[in-house]
């Protein structure tokens, strides 16, 4: 089973309750119980995600310094990764996050009038790199096993 961690966390979590290893394991159990998968054996669950960004960066316009590794989001992801790796069948595949500069918050861009911008109006533009490529490589690696009928 191949899981895009960002998508799974988005679908299973909410603004109040973040997805955790228990909810992800429950989801895997529900998928495994689908009638179409009856008689099939689970060999591995590949969970694709990125490790948290661990850099400190100066925020433009005098906004101080942000230590991305000390944020709540980083702590939640570190905790999730450390618990998922101990779950049966799970293998974690990591891409990378990188800071691609700063951008205006979306709600600020919706205004039609002239705006004055300060550091509170900026948010980091963080991009994920390598996860989709790892998913594709694993699919290409696993495909011959399924096309020959062996598992």
Protein backbone atom coordinates (compact mmCIF):
# COMPACT_ATOMS: atom_id res chain seq x y z
CA UNK A 1 0.00 0.00 0.00
CA UNK A 2 1.41 3.41 -0.97
CA UNK A 3 0.23 6.46 0.99
CA UNK A 4 0.96 10.10 0.19
CA UNK A 5 1.47 11.34 3.75
CA UNK A 6 0.50 14.95 3.05
CA UNK A 7 -2.78 13.91 1.45
CA UNK A 8 -3.57 11.32 4.14
CA UNK A 9 -2.89 13.84 6.92
CA UNK A 10 -5.11 16.39 5.17
CA UNK A 11 -8.01 13.95 4.67
CA UNK A 12 -7.87 12.32 8.13
CA UNK A 13 -7.13 15.45 10.14
CA UNK A 14 -8.94 18.69 10.78
CA UNK A 15 -8.09 22.16 12.03
CA UNK A 16 -8.78 21.00 15.61
CA UNK A 17 -7.47 17.44 15.46
CA UNK A 18 -4.40 16.49 13.48
CA UNK A 19 -4.04 13.02 11.96
CA UNK A 20 -1.95 10.72 14.13
CA UNK A 21 -0.54 7.23 13.79
CA UNK A 22 -3.68 5.68 15.31
CA UNK A 23 -5.98 7.35 12.76
CA UNK A 24 -3.65 6.42 9.91
CA UNK A 25 -3.44 2.79 11.09
CA UNK A 26 -7.24 2.70 11.39
CA UNK A 27 -7.53 4.01 7.82
CA UNK A 28 -5.11 1.33 6.58
CA UNK A 29 -7.25 -1.29 8.34
CA UNK A 30 -10.38 0.04 6.65
CA UNK A 31 -8.73 -0.01 3.22
CA UNK A 32 -7.36 -3.52 3.84
CA UNK A 33 -10.88 -4.73 4.74
CA UNK A 34 -12.38 -3.63 1.41
CA UNK A 35 -14.03 -6.54 -0.42
CA UNK A 36 -11.93 -5.95 -3.54
CA UNK A 37 -8.81 -6.76 -1.48
CA UNK A 38 -10.23 -9.99 0.01
CA UNK A 39 -7.69 -12.76 -0.10
CA UNK A 40 -4.76 -10.41 -0.61
CA UNK A 41 -1.93 -10.18 1.88
CA UNK A 42 -0.42 -6.89 3.02
CA UNK A 43 3.36 -6.88 2.65
CA UNK A 44 4.29 -3.28 3.31
CA UNK A 45 2.80 0.17 3.75
CA UNK A 46 4.95 2.87 2.20
CA UNK A 47 4.22 6.24 3.81
CA UNK A 48 5.64 9.14 1.79
CA UNK A 49 6.17 12.43 3.58
CA UNK A 50 8.83 15.05 4.22
CA UNK A 51 10.78 15.54 7.37
CA UNK A 52 10.03 18.90 9.00
CA UNK A 53 12.01 21.93 7.92
CA UNK A 54 14.81 22.41 10.48
CA UNK A 55 16.21 25.83 9.56
CA UNK A 56 16.00 29.25 11.16
CA UNK A 57 15.27 32.10 8.80
CA UNK A 58 14.88 35.86 9.10
CA UNK A 59 11.39 37.04 8.24
CA UNK A 60 11.39 40.07 5.90
CA UNK A 61 10.26 43.54 6.96
CA UNK A 62 11.63 43.25 10.49
CA UNK A 63 9.59 40.21 11.46
CA UNK A 64 12.35 38.58 13.49
CA UNK A 65 13.66 35.07 13.07
CA UNK A 66 11.57 31.91 12.71
CA UNK A 67 12.98 28.57 13.85
CA UNK A 68 10.93 26.20 11.71
CA UNK A 69 12.21 23.16 13.63
CA UNK A 70 10.68 24.53 16.86
CA UNK A 71 7.15 25.02 15.47
CA UNK A 72 4.12 22.99 16.54
CA UNK A 73 3.82 21.61 13.00
CA UNK A 74 7.41 20.32 13.12
CA UNK A 75 6.85 18.71 16.53
CA UNK A 76 3.64 17.02 15.32
CA UNK A 77 5.35 15.65 12.22
CA UNK A 78 8.37 14.40 14.16
CA UNK A 79 6.04 12.66 16.60
CA UNK A 80 3.96 11.15 13.79
CA UNK A 81 7.03 9.84 11.98
CA UNK A 82 8.53 8.36 15.14
CA UNK A 83 5.30 6.50 15.99
CA UNK A 84 4.46 5.38 12.43
CA UNK A 85 7.86 3.79 11.94
CA UNK A 86 7.06 1.48 14.89
CA UNK A 87 3.71 0.40 13.42
CA UNK A 88 3.61 -3.03 11.75
CA UNK A 89 4.28 -3.04 7.99
CA UNK A 90 5.08 0.71 7.80
CA UNK A 91 8.12 1.97 5.92
CA UNK A 92 8.64 5.72 5.71
CA UNK A 93 9.97 7.33 2.55
CA UNK A 94 11.11 10.90 2.95
CA UNK A 95 11.23 13.80 0.54
CA UNK A 96 12.54 17.20 1.50
CA UNK A 97 11.06 20.57 2.39
CA UNK A 98 12.72 23.79 1.41
CA UNK A 99 11.94 27.45 1.89
CA UNK A 100 11.26 29.14 -1.42
CA UNK A 101 11.01 32.65 0.01
CA UNK A 102 8.04 34.51 1.40
CA UNK A 103 4.60 35.31 0.01
CA UNK A 104 1.65 37.48 0.91
CA UNK A 105 -1.11 35.78 2.84
CA UNK A 106 -3.98 34.83 0.53
CA UNK A 107 -6.63 36.79 2.44
CA UNK A 108 -4.59 39.96 1.94
CA UNK A 109 -4.55 39.45 -1.83
CA UNK A 110 -8.36 39.35 -1.98
CA UNK A 111 -8.67 43.03 -1.07
CA UNK A 112 -9.35 45.37 -3.98
CA UNK A 113 -8.02 48.52 -2.33
CA UNK A 114 -4.42 49.61 -1.89
CA UNK A 115 -2.75 47.77 0.97
CA UNK A 116 0.07 48.45 3.37
CA UNK A 117 2.23 45.41 4.05
CA UNK A 118 4.16 44.51 7.20
CA UNK A 119 5.84 41.30 8.40
CA UNK A 120 2.54 39.90 9.73
CA UNK A 121 1.19 39.85 6.17
CA UNK A 122 3.90 37.44 5.00
CA UNK A 123 4.01 33.67 5.27
CA UNK A 124 6.75 31.21 4.34
CA UNK A 125 6.50 29.61 0.93
CA UNK A 126 7.56 26.06 1.79
CA UNK A 127 7.75 23.49 -1.00
CA UNK A 128 8.02 19.72 -0.88
CA UNK A 129 10.48 18.01 -3.16
CA UNK A 130 11.11 14.38 -3.98
CA UNK A 131 7.99 12.68 -2.58
CA UNK A 132 6.20 12.21 -5.91
CA UNK A 133 9.40 10.97 -7.49
CA UNK A 134 9.86 8.37 -4.73
CA UNK A 135 6.26 7.20 -5.18
CA UNK A 136 6.84 6.82 -8.93
CA UNK A 137 10.12 4.94 -8.44
CA UNK A 138 8.50 2.55 -5.97
CA UNK A 139 5.57 1.93 -8.32
CA UNK A 140 8.02 1.18 -11.14
CA UNK A 141 9.95 -1.14 -8.82
CA UNK A 142 6.82 -2.96 -7.58
CA UNK A 143 5.03 -3.21 -10.93
CA UNK A 144 6.96 -6.24 -12.31
CA UNK A 145 5.97 -8.31 -9.25
CA UNK A 146 2.29 -7.62 -9.89
CA UNK A 147 2.37 -8.03 -13.67
CA UNK A 148 3.85 -11.54 -13.43
CA UNK A 149 1.31 -12.60 -10.83
CA UNK A 150 3.89 -13.21 -8.10
CA UNK A 151 3.87 -11.28 -4.84
